[in-house]
Amino acid sequence: MIQVADTGVGISGQEGMQAVMASDFAISQFRH
């Protein structure tokens, strides 16, 4: 889903870093 979107944001967390590695931007928590 992140790779298909124009802009992808990955949240680093308990499920690992895969989303962060595939995203354009990375944040530590959703509130950011």
Full PDB file with SEQRES, HELIX, SHEET, SSBOND, CRYST1, ORIGX, SCALE, CONECT and MASTER records, all heavy atoms in Angstrom:
SEQRES   1 A   32  MET ILE GLN VAL ALA ASP THR GLY VAL GLY ILE SER GLY          
SEQRES   2 A   32  GLN GLU GLY MET GLN ALA VAL MET ALA SER ASP PHE ALA          
SEQRES   3 A   32  ILE SER GLN PHE ARG HIS                                      
HELIX    1 AA1 GLN A   18  ALA A   22  1                                   5    
SHEET    1 AA1 2 VAL A   9  ILE A  11  0                                        
SHEET    2 AA1 2 PHE A  25  ILE A  27  1                                        
CRYST1    1.000    1.000    1.000  90.00  90.00  90.00 P 1           1          
ORIGX1      1.000000  0.000000  0.000000        0.00000                         
ORIGX2      0.000000  1.000000  0.000000        0.00000                         
ORIGX3      0.000000  0.000000  1.000000        0.00000                         
SCALE1      1.000000  0.000000  0.000000        0.00000                         
SCALE2      0.000000  1.000000  0.000000        0.00000                         
SCALE3      0.000000  0.000000  1.000000        0.00000                         
ATOM      1  N   MET A   1       0.842  -1.201   0.000  1.00  0.00           N  
ATOM      2  CA  MET A   1       0.000   0.000   0.000  1.00  0.00           C  
ATOM      3  C   MET A   1       0.877   1.251   0.000  1.00  0.00           C  
ATOM      4  O   MET A   1       0.607   2.206  -0.744  1.00  0.00           O  
ATOM      5  CB  MET A   1      -0.910  -0.009   1.222  1.00  0.00           C  
ATOM      6  CG  MET A   1      -1.676   1.258   1.458  1.00  0.00           C  
ATOM      7  SD  MET A   1      -2.640   1.245   2.966  1.00  0.00           S  
ATOM      8  CE  MET A   1      -1.370   1.203   4.215  1.00  0.00           C  
ATOM      9  N   ILE A   2       1.937   1.255   0.786  1.00  0.00           N  
ATOM     10  CA  ILE A   2       2.838   2.404   0.870  1.00  0.00           C  
ATOM     11  C   ILE A   2       3.546   2.633  -0.461  1.00  0.00           C  
ATOM     12  O   ILE A   2       3.723   3.761  -0.900  1.00  0.00           O  
ATOM     13  CB  ILE A   2       3.839   2.202   2.029  1.00  0.00           C  
ATOM     14  CG1 ILE A   2       3.120   2.336   3.368  1.00  0.00           C  
ATOM     15  CG2 ILE A   2       4.999   3.169   1.941  1.00  0.00           C  
ATOM     16  CD1 ILE A   2       3.968   1.973   4.564  1.00  0.00           C  
ATOM     17  N   GLN A   3       3.924   1.554  -1.121  1.00  0.00           N  
ATOM     18  CA  GLN A   3       4.630   1.683  -2.390  1.00  0.00           C  
ATOM     19  C   GLN A   3       3.736   2.144  -3.526  1.00  0.00           C  
ATOM     20  O   GLN A   3       4.186   2.811  -4.445  1.00  0.00           O  
ATOM     21  CB  GLN A   3       5.296   0.357  -2.753  1.00  0.00           C  
ATOM     22  CG  GLN A   3       6.461   0.023  -1.854  1.00  0.00           C  
ATOM     23  CD  GLN A   3       7.057  -1.335  -2.143  1.00  0.00           C  
ATOM     24  OE1 GLN A   3       6.405  -2.197  -2.718  1.00  0.00           O  
ATOM     25  NE2 GLN A   3       8.306  -1.522  -1.721  1.00  0.00           N  
ATOM     26  N   VAL A   4       2.447   1.829  -3.468  1.00  0.00           N  
ATOM     27  CA  VAL A   4       1.509   2.234  -4.523  1.00  0.00           C  
ATOM     28  C   VAL A   4       1.125   3.706  -4.380  1.00  0.00           C  
ATOM     29  O   VAL A   4       0.915   4.391  -5.379  1.00  0.00           O  
ATOM     30  CB  VAL A   4       0.249   1.335  -4.495  1.00  0.00           C  
ATOM     31  CG1 VAL A   4      -0.859   1.899  -5.345  1.00  0.00           C  
ATOM     32  CG2 VAL A   4       0.601  -0.052  -4.947  1.00  0.00           C  
ATOM     33  N   ALA A   5       1.079   4.205  -3.158  1.00  0.00           N  
ATOM     34  CA  ALA A   5       0.642   5.582  -2.914  1.00  0.00           C  
ATOM     35  C   ALA A   5       1.654   6.585  -3.451  1.00  0.00           C  
ATOM     36  O   ALA A   5       2.832   6.273  -3.650  1.00  0.00           O  
ATOM     37  CB  ALA A   5       0.436   5.797  -1.417  1.00  0.00           C  
ATOM     38  N   ASP A   6       1.177   7.799  -3.698  1.00  0.00           N  
ATOM     39  CA  ASP A   6       2.078   8.860  -4.139  1.00  0.00           C  
ATOM     40  C   ASP A   6       3.097   9.193  -3.058  1.00  0.00           C  
ATOM     41  O   ASP A   6       4.265   9.430  -3.348  1.00  0.00           O  
ATOM     42  CB  ASP A   6       1.276  10.119  -4.490  1.00  0.00           C  
ATOM     43  CG  ASP A   6       0.411   9.904  -5.719  1.00  0.00           C  
ATOM     44  OD1 ASP A   6       0.929   9.381  -6.720  1.00  0.00           O  
ATOM     45  OD2 ASP A   6      -0.779  10.251  -5.668  1.00  0.00           O  
ATOM     46  N   THR A   7       2.641   9.245  -1.825  1.00  0.00           N  
ATOM     47  CA  THR A   7       3.525   9.496  -0.688  1.00  0.00           C  
ATOM     48  C   THR A   7       3.249   8.435   0.355  1.00  0.00           C  
ATOM     49  O   THR A   7       2.109   8.218   0.746  1.00  0.00           O  
ATOM     50  CB  THR A   7       3.276  10.888  -0.083  1.00  0.00           C  
ATOM     51  OG1 THR A   7       3.417  11.869  -1.109  1.00  0.00           O  
ATOM     52  CG2 THR A   7       4.252  11.183   1.032  1.00  0.00           C  
ATOM     53  N   GLY A   8       4.294   7.788   0.821  1.00  0.00           N  
ATOM     54  CA  GLY A   8       4.158   6.757   1.833  1.00  0.00           C  
ATOM     55  C   GLY A   8       4.833   7.169   3.125  1.00  0.00           C  
ATOM     56  O   GLY A   8       5.941   7.698   3.119  1.00  0.00           O  
ATOM     57  N   VAL A   9       4.137   6.935   4.224  1.00  0.00           N  
ATOM     58  CA  VAL A   9       4.673   7.247   5.550  1.00  0.00           C  
ATOM     59  C   VAL A   9       4.703   5.956   6.345  1.00  0.00           C  
ATOM     60  O   VAL A   9       3.682   5.289   6.489  1.00  0.00           O  
ATOM     61  CB  VAL A   9       3.811   8.308   6.273  1.00  0.00           C  
ATOM     62  CG1 VAL A   9       4.337   8.565   7.671  1.00  0.00           C  
ATOM     63  CG2 VAL A   9       3.768   9.599   5.480  1.00  0.00           C  
ATOM     64  N   GLY A  10       5.872   5.618   6.850  1.00  0.00           N  
ATOM     65  CA  GLY A  10       6.030   4.428   7.665  1.00  0.00           C  
ATOM     66  C   GLY A  10       6.176   4.802   9.121  1.00  0.00           C  
ATOM     67  O   GLY A  10       6.869   5.763   9.465  1.00  0.00           O  
ATOM     68  N   ILE A  11       5.531   4.038   9.981  1.00  0.00           N  
ATOM     69  CA  ILE A  11       5.624   4.253  11.422  1.00  0.00           C  
ATOM     70  C   ILE A  11       6.466   3.131  11.997  1.00  0.00           C  
ATOM     71  O   ILE A  11       6.130   1.956  11.855  1.00  0.00           O  
ATOM     72  CB  ILE A  11       4.221   4.273  12.070  1.00  0.00           C  
ATOM     73  CG1 ILE A  11       3.357   5.356  11.437  1.00  0.00           C  
ATOM     74  CG2 ILE A  11       4.337   4.476  13.575  1.00  0.00           C  
ATOM     75  CD1 ILE A  11       1.917   5.341  11.885  1.00  0.00           C  
ATOM     76  N   SER A  12       7.566   3.505  12.622  1.00  0.00           N  
ATOM     77  CA  SER A  12       8.404   2.476  13.243  1.00  0.00           C  
ATOM     78  C   SER A  12       7.758   2.057  14.557  1.00  0.00           C  
ATOM     79  O   SER A  12       7.305   2.879  15.335  1.00  0.00           O  
ATOM     80  CB  SER A  12       9.813   3.010  13.484  1.00  0.00           C  
ATOM     81  OG  SER A  12       9.792   4.123  14.344  1.00  0.00           O  
ATOM     82  N   GLY A  13       7.702   0.768  14.753  1.00  0.00           N  
ATOM     83  CA  GLY A  13       7.024   0.299  15.952  1.00  0.00           C  
ATOM     84  C   GLY A  13       7.271  -1.155  16.234  1.00  0.00           C  
ATOM     85  O   GLY A  13       8.304  -1.720  15.867  1.00  0.00           O  
ATOM     86  N   GLN A  14       6.279  -1.777  16.856  1.00  0.00           N  
ATOM     87  CA  GLN A  14       6.408  -3.147  17.324  1.00  0.00           C  
ATOM     88  C   GLN A  14       6.419  -4.163  16.193  1.00  0.00           C  
ATOM     89  O   GLN A  14       6.953  -5.252  16.350  1.00  0.00           O  
ATOM     90  CB  GLN A  14       5.258  -3.464  18.279  1.00  0.00           C  
ATOM     91  CG  GLN A  14       5.266  -2.616  19.519  1.00  0.00           C  
ATOM     92  CD  GLN A  14       4.023  -2.821  20.359  1.00  0.00           C  
ATOM     93  OE1 GLN A  14       3.039  -3.355  19.893  1.00  0.00           O  
ATOM     94  NE2 GLN A  14       4.086  -2.380  21.606  1.00  0.00           N  
ATOM     95  N   GLU A  15       5.836  -3.827  15.063  1.00  0.00           N  
ATOM     96  CA  GLU A  15       5.731  -4.799  13.978  1.00  0.00           C  
ATOM     97  C   GLU A  15       6.974  -4.837  13.097  1.00  0.00           C  
ATOM     98  O   GLU A  15       6.997  -5.533  12.092  1.00  0.00           O  
ATOM     99  CB  GLU A  15       4.499  -4.488  13.130  1.00  0.00           C  
ATOM    100  CG  GLU A  15       3.205  -4.731  13.861  1.00  0.00           C  
ATOM    101  CD  GLU A  15       2.011  -4.651  12.929  1.00  0.00           C  
ATOM    102  OE1 GLU A  15       2.146  -5.056  11.764  1.00  0.00           O  
ATOM    103  OE2 GLU A  15       0.966  -4.179  13.378  1.00  0.00           O  
ATOM    104  N   GLY A  16       7.987  -4.065  13.414  1.00  0.00           N  
ATOM    105  CA  GLY A  16       9.220  -4.101  12.643  1.00  0.00           C  
ATOM    106  C   GLY A  16       9.420  -2.849  11.818  1.00  0.00           C  
ATOM    107  O   GLY A  16       8.703  -1.869  11.947  1.00  0.00           O  
ATOM    108  N   MET A  17      10.433  -2.917  10.964  1.00  0.00           N  
ATOM    109  CA  MET A  17      10.836  -1.750  10.190  1.00  0.00           C  
ATOM    110  C   MET A  17      10.534  -1.882   8.698  1.00  0.00           C  
ATOM    111  O   MET A  17      11.009  -1.080   7.911  1.00  0.00           O  
ATOM    112  CB  MET A  17      12.347  -1.529  10.377  1.00  0.00           C  
ATOM    113  CG  MET A  17      12.754  -1.214  11.803  1.00  0.00           C  
ATOM    114  SD  MET A  17      12.120   0.369  12.373  1.00  0.00           S  
ATOM    115  CE  MET A  17      13.184   1.460  11.468  1.00  0.00           C  
ATOM    116  N   GLN A  18       9.759  -2.867   8.278  1.00  0.00           N  
ATOM    117  CA  GLN A  18       9.503  -3.063   6.852  1.00  0.00           C  
ATOM    118  C   GLN A  18       8.776  -1.862   6.244  1.00  0.00           C  
ATOM    119  O   GLN A  18       9.089  -1.431   5.142  1.00  0.00           O  
ATOM    120  CB  GLN A  18       8.695  -4.341   6.600  1.00  0.00           C  
ATOM    121  CG  GLN A  18       9.453  -5.605   6.858  1.00  0.00           C  
ATOM    122  CD  GLN A  18       9.282  -6.097   8.292  1.00  0.00           C  
ATOM    123  OE1 GLN A  18       8.756  -5.396   9.141  1.00  0.00           O  
ATOM    124  NE2 GLN A  18       9.734  -7.301   8.557  1.00  0.00           N  
ATOM    125  N   ALA A  19       7.776  -1.341   6.928  1.00  0.00           N  
ATOM    126  CA  ALA A  19       7.020  -0.200   6.408  1.00  0.00           C  
ATOM    127  C   ALA A  19       7.904   1.040   6.327  1.00  0.00           C  
ATOM    128  O   ALA A  19       7.806   1.810   5.369  1.00  0.00           O  
ATOM    129  CB  ALA A  19       5.802   0.076   7.292  1.00  0.00           C  
ATOM    130  N   VAL A  20       8.772   1.209   7.294  1.00  0.00           N  
ATOM    131  CA  VAL A  20       9.668   2.359   7.295  1.00  0.00           C  
ATOM    132  C   VAL A  20      10.646   2.274   6.132  1.00  0.00           C  
ATOM    133  O   VAL A  20      10.926   3.263   5.453  1.00  0.00           O  
ATOM    134  CB  VAL A  20      10.420   2.462   8.641  1.00  0.00           C  
ATOM    135  CG1 VAL A  20      11.512   3.498   8.588  1.00  0.00           C  
ATOM    136  CG2 VAL A  20       9.445   2.780   9.758  1.00  0.00           C  
ATOM    137  N   MET A  21      11.148   1.077   5.869  1.00  0.00           N  
ATOM    138  CA  MET A  21      12.115   0.901   4.788  1.00  0.00           C  
ATOM    139  C   MET A  21      11.480   1.125   3.407  1.00  0.00           C  
ATOM    140  O   MET A  21      12.162   1.526   2.470  1.00  0.00           O  
ATOM    141  CB  MET A  21      12.728  -0.501   4.850  1.00  0.00           C  
ATOM    142  CG  MET A  21      13.488  -0.779   6.132  1.00  0.00           C  
ATOM    143  SD  MET A  21      14.843   0.346   6.398  1.00  0.00           S  
ATOM    144  CE  MET A  21      16.027  -0.350   5.301  1.00  0.00           C  
ATOM    145  N   ALA A  22      10.188   0.897   3.276  1.00  0.00           N  
ATOM    146  CA  ALA A  22       9.504   1.057   1.990  1.00  0.00           C  
ATOM    147  C   ALA A  22       8.896   2.443   1.808  1.00  0.00           C  
ATOM    148  O   ALA A  22       8.394   2.753   0.732  1.00  0.00           O  
ATOM    149  CB  ALA A  22       8.403   0.007   1.861  1.00  0.00           C  
ATOM    150  N   SER A  23       8.941   3.283   2.821  1.00  0.00           N  
ATOM    151  CA  SER A  23       8.225   4.557   2.786  1.00  0.00           C  
ATOM    152  C   SER A  23       9.102   5.713   2.329  1.00  0.00           C  
ATOM    153  O   SER A  23      10.326   5.617   2.289  1.00  0.00           O  
ATOM    154  CB  SER A  23       7.663   4.860   4.179  1.00  0.00           C  
ATOM    155  OG  SER A  23       8.727   5.071   5.081  1.00  0.00           O  
ATOM    156  N   ASP A  24       8.431   6.813   2.014  1.00  0.00           N  
ATOM    157  CA  ASP A  24       9.123   8.053   1.670  1.00  0.00           C  
ATOM    158  C   ASP A  24       9.546   8.812   2.916  1.00  0.00           C  
ATOM    159  O   ASP A  24      10.589   9.457   2.933  1.00  0.00           O  
ATOM    160  CB  ASP A  24       8.215   8.948   0.816  1.00  0.00           C  
ATOM    161  CG  ASP A  24       7.798   8.282  -0.476  1.00  0.00           C  
ATOM    162  OD1 ASP A  24       8.672   7.728  -1.156  1.00  0.00           O  
ATOM    163  OD2 ASP A  24       6.595   8.307  -0.795  1.00  0.00           O  
ATOM    164  N   PHE A  25       8.706   8.753   3.937  1.00  0.00           N  
ATOM    165  CA  PHE A  25       8.971   9.425   5.202  1.00  0.00           C  
ATOM    166  C   PHE A  25       8.740   8.432   6.333  1.00  0.00           C  
ATOM    167  O   PHE A  25       7.880   7.562   6.224  1.00  0.00           O  
ATOM    168  CB  PHE A  25       8.038  10.633   5.392  1.00  0.00           C  
ATOM    169  CG  PHE A  25       8.207  11.692   4.346  1.00  0.00           C  
ATOM    170  CD1 PHE A  25       7.347  11.750   3.264  1.00  0.00           C  
ATOM    171  CD2 PHE A  25       9.222  12.619   4.421  1.00  0.00           C  
ATOM    172  CE1 PHE A  25       7.497  12.708   2.284  1.00  0.00           C  
ATOM    173  CE2 PHE A  25       9.385  13.583   3.451  1.00  0.00           C  
ATOM    174  CZ  PHE A  25       8.519  13.628   2.374  1.00  0.00           C  
ATOM    175  N   ALA A  26       9.468   8.611   7.413  1.00  0.00           N  
ATOM    176  CA  ALA A  26       9.314   7.740   8.575  1.00  0.00           C  
ATOM    177  C   ALA A  26       9.069   8.590   9.811  1.00  0.00           C  
ATOM    178  O   ALA A  26       9.706   9.628   9.999  1.00  0.00           O  
ATOM    179  CB  ALA A  26      10.556   6.890   8.767  1.00  0.00           C  
ATOM    180  N   ILE A  27       8.129   8.151  10.619  1.00  0.00           N  
ATOM    181  CA  ILE A  27       7.852   8.803  11.896  1.00  0.00           C  
ATOM    182  C   ILE A  27       7.837   7.740  12.976  1.00  0.00           C  
ATOM    183  O   ILE A  27       7.668   6.555  12.692  1.00  0.00           O  
ATOM    184  CB  ILE A  27       6.522   9.593  11.868  1.00  0.00           C  
ATOM    185  CG1 ILE A  27       5.354   8.709  11.432  1.00  0.00           C  
ATOM    186  CG2 ILE A  27       6.637  10.805  10.967  1.00  0.00           C  
ATOM    187  CD1 ILE A  27       4.003   9.415  11.442  1.00  0.00           C  
ATOM    188  N   SER A  28       8.022   8.171  14.210  1.00  0.00           N  
ATOM    189  CA  SER A  28       8.085   7.192  15.291  1.00  0.00           C  
ATOM    190  C   SER A  28       6.717   6.874  15.877  1.00  0.00           C  
ATOM    191  O   SER A  28       6.508   5.775  16.385  1.00  0.00           O  
ATOM    192  CB  SER A  28       9.015   7.700  16.400  1.00  0.00           C  
ATOM    193  OG  SER A  28       8.526   8.919  16.919  1.00  0.00           O  
ATOM    194  N   GLN A  29       5.794   7.831  15.824  1.00  0.00           N  
ATOM    195  CA  GLN A  29       4.445   7.619  16.351  1.00  0.00           C  
ATOM    196  C   GLN A  29       3.434   8.276  15.413  1.00  0.00           C  
ATOM    197  O   GLN A  29       3.748   9.245  14.716  1.00  0.00           O  
ATOM    198  CB  GLN A  29       4.304   8.223  17.746  1.00  0.00           C  
ATOM    199  CG  GLN A  29       5.178   7.559  18.779  1.00  0.00           C  
ATOM    200  CD  GLN A  29       5.075   8.237  20.134  1.00  0.00           C  
ATOM    201  OE1 GLN A  29       4.515   9.319  20.263  1.00  0.00           O  
ATOM    202  NE2 GLN A  29       5.612   7.586  21.150  1.00  0.00           N  
ATOM    203  N   PHE A  30       2.223   7.768  15.444  1.00  0.00           N  
ATOM    204  CA  PHE A  30       1.177   8.274  14.558  1.00  0.00           C  
ATOM    205  C   PHE A  30       0.857   9.737  14.830  1.00  0.00           C  
ATOM    206  O   PHE A  30       0.506  10.479  13.918  1.00  0.00           O  
ATOM    207  CB  PHE A  30      -0.093   7.420  14.707  1.00  0.00           C  
ATOM    208  CG  PHE A  30      -1.143   7.737  13.683  1.00  0.00           C  
ATOM    209  CD1 PHE A  30      -1.027   7.266  12.385  1.00  0.00           C  
ATOM    210  CD2 PHE A  30      -2.242   8.516  14.009  1.00  0.00           C  
ATOM    211  CE1 PHE A  30      -1.988   7.562  11.428  1.00  0.00           C  
ATOM    212  CE2 PHE A  30      -3.205   8.809  13.064  1.00  0.00           C  
ATOM    213  CZ  PHE A  30      -3.079   8.333  11.774  1.00  0.00           C  
ATOM    214  N   ARG A  31       1.017  10.179  16.049  1.00  0.00           N  
ATOM    215  CA  ARG A  31       0.679  11.560  16.391  1.00  0.00           C  
ATOM    216  C   ARG A  31       1.594  12.577  15.712  1.00  0.00           C  
ATOM    217  O   ARG A  31       1.256  13.748  15.606  1.00  0.00           O  
ATOM    218  CB  ARG A  31       0.691  11.762  17.902  1.00  0.00           C  
ATOM    219  CG  ARG A  31       2.036  11.598  18.551  1.00  0.00           C  
ATOM    220  CD  ARG A  31       1.912  11.705  20.075  1.00  0.00           C  
ATOM    221  NE  ARG A  31       3.163  11.365  20.701  1.00  0.00           N  
ATOM    222  CZ  ARG A  31       3.993  12.268  21.211  1.00  0.00           C  
ATOM    223  NH1 ARG A  31       3.668  13.541  21.183  1.00  0.00           N  
ATOM    224  NH2 ARG A  31       5.124  11.888  21.757  1.00  0.00           N  
ATOM    225  N   HIS A  32       2.744  12.143  15.212  1.00  0.00           N  
ATOM    226  CA  HIS A  32       3.661  13.043  14.517  1.00  0.00           C  
ATOM    227  C   HIS A  32       3.232  13.285  13.063  1.00  0.00           C  
ATOM    228  O   HIS A  32       3.819  14.134  12.388  1.00  0.00           O  
ATOM    229  CB  HIS A  32       5.081  12.488  14.539  1.00  0.00           C  
ATOM    230  CG  HIS A  32       5.642  12.347  15.917  1.00  0.00           C  
ATOM    231  ND1 HIS A  32       5.715  13.397  16.806  1.00  0.00           N  
ATOM    232  CD2 HIS A  32       6.162  11.277  16.558  1.00  0.00           C  
ATOM    233  CE1 HIS A  32       6.252  12.981  17.934  1.00  0.00           C  
ATOM    234  NE2 HIS A  32       6.526  11.691  17.809  1.00  0.00           N  
TER     235      HIS A  32                                                      
MASTER        0    0    0    1    2    0    0    6  234    1    0    3          
END                                                                             
